[in-house]
Amino acid sequence: QFVRRLGGYTGDCLGAVQQVTEVVFYLLLGIAMV
């Protein structure tokens, strides 16, 4: 049951968090290069 939940709503949340983290990382990288 936990695995099913992880693949559903929780999995989507983790995916969204990863995307946001990636965007922030690239933003910081761009600022550091300037």
C-alpha atoms as a PDB file:
ATOM      1  CA  GLN A   1       0.000   0.000   0.000  1.00  0.00           C
ATOM      2  CA  PHE A   2       2.885   2.363   0.795  1.00  0.00           C
ATOM      3  CA  VAL A   3       4.533   1.667  -2.557  1.00  0.00           C
ATOM      4  CA  ARG A   4       1.285   2.411  -4.384  1.00  0.00           C
ATOM      5  CA  ARG A   5       0.992   5.714  -2.534  1.00  0.00           C
ATOM      6  CA  LEU A   6       4.608   6.564  -3.314  1.00  0.00           C
ATOM      7  CA  GLY A   7       3.961   6.047  -7.011  1.00  0.00           C
ATOM      8  CA  GLY A   8       0.837   8.200  -6.949  1.00  0.00           C
ATOM      9  CA  TYR A   9       0.366  11.549  -5.222  1.00  0.00           C
ATOM     10  CA  THR A  10       3.573  11.366  -3.174  1.00  0.00           C
ATOM     11  CA  GLY A  11       5.573  10.464  -6.268  1.00  0.00           C
ATOM     12  CA  ASP A  12       4.193  13.520  -8.074  1.00  0.00           C
ATOM     13  CA  CYS A  13       5.177  15.718  -5.129  1.00  0.00           C
ATOM     14  CA  LEU A  14       8.714  14.324  -5.153  1.00  0.00           C
ATOM     15  CA  GLY A  15       8.931  14.926  -8.894  1.00  0.00           C
ATOM     16  CA  ALA A  16       7.754  18.529  -8.494  1.00  0.00           C
ATOM     17  CA  VAL A  17      10.236  19.147  -5.680  1.00  0.00           C
ATOM     18  CA  GLN A  18      13.046  17.744  -7.827  1.00  0.00           C
ATOM     19  CA  GLN A  19      12.106  20.019 -10.728  1.00  0.00           C
ATOM     20  CA  VAL A  20      11.997  23.101  -8.493  1.00  0.00           C
ATOM     21  CA  THR A  21      15.362  22.174  -6.976  1.00  0.00           C
ATOM     22  CA  GLU A  22      16.821  21.785 -10.460  1.00  0.00           C
ATOM     23  CA  VAL A  23      15.543  25.215 -11.560  1.00  0.00           C
ATOM     24  CA  VAL A  24      16.906  26.878  -8.411  1.00  0.00           C
ATOM     25  CA  PHE A  25      20.251  25.143  -8.941  1.00  0.00           C
ATOM     26  CA  TYR A  26      20.557  26.455 -12.490  1.00  0.00           C
ATOM     27  CA  LEU A  27      19.491  29.945 -11.381  1.00  0.00           C
ATOM     28  CA  LEU A  28      22.197  30.004  -8.713  1.00  0.00           C
ATOM     29  CA  LEU A  29      24.695  28.665 -11.235  1.00  0.00           C
ATOM     30  CA  GLY A  30      23.789  31.441 -13.674  1.00  0.00           C
ATOM     31  CA  ILE A  31      24.102  34.107 -10.970  1.00  0.00           C
ATOM     32  CA  ALA A  32      27.481  32.712  -9.916  1.00  0.00           C
ATOM     33  CA  MET A  33      28.775  32.911 -13.504  1.00  0.00           C
ATOM     34  CA  VAL A  34      27.767  36.589 -13.739  1.00  0.00           C
END
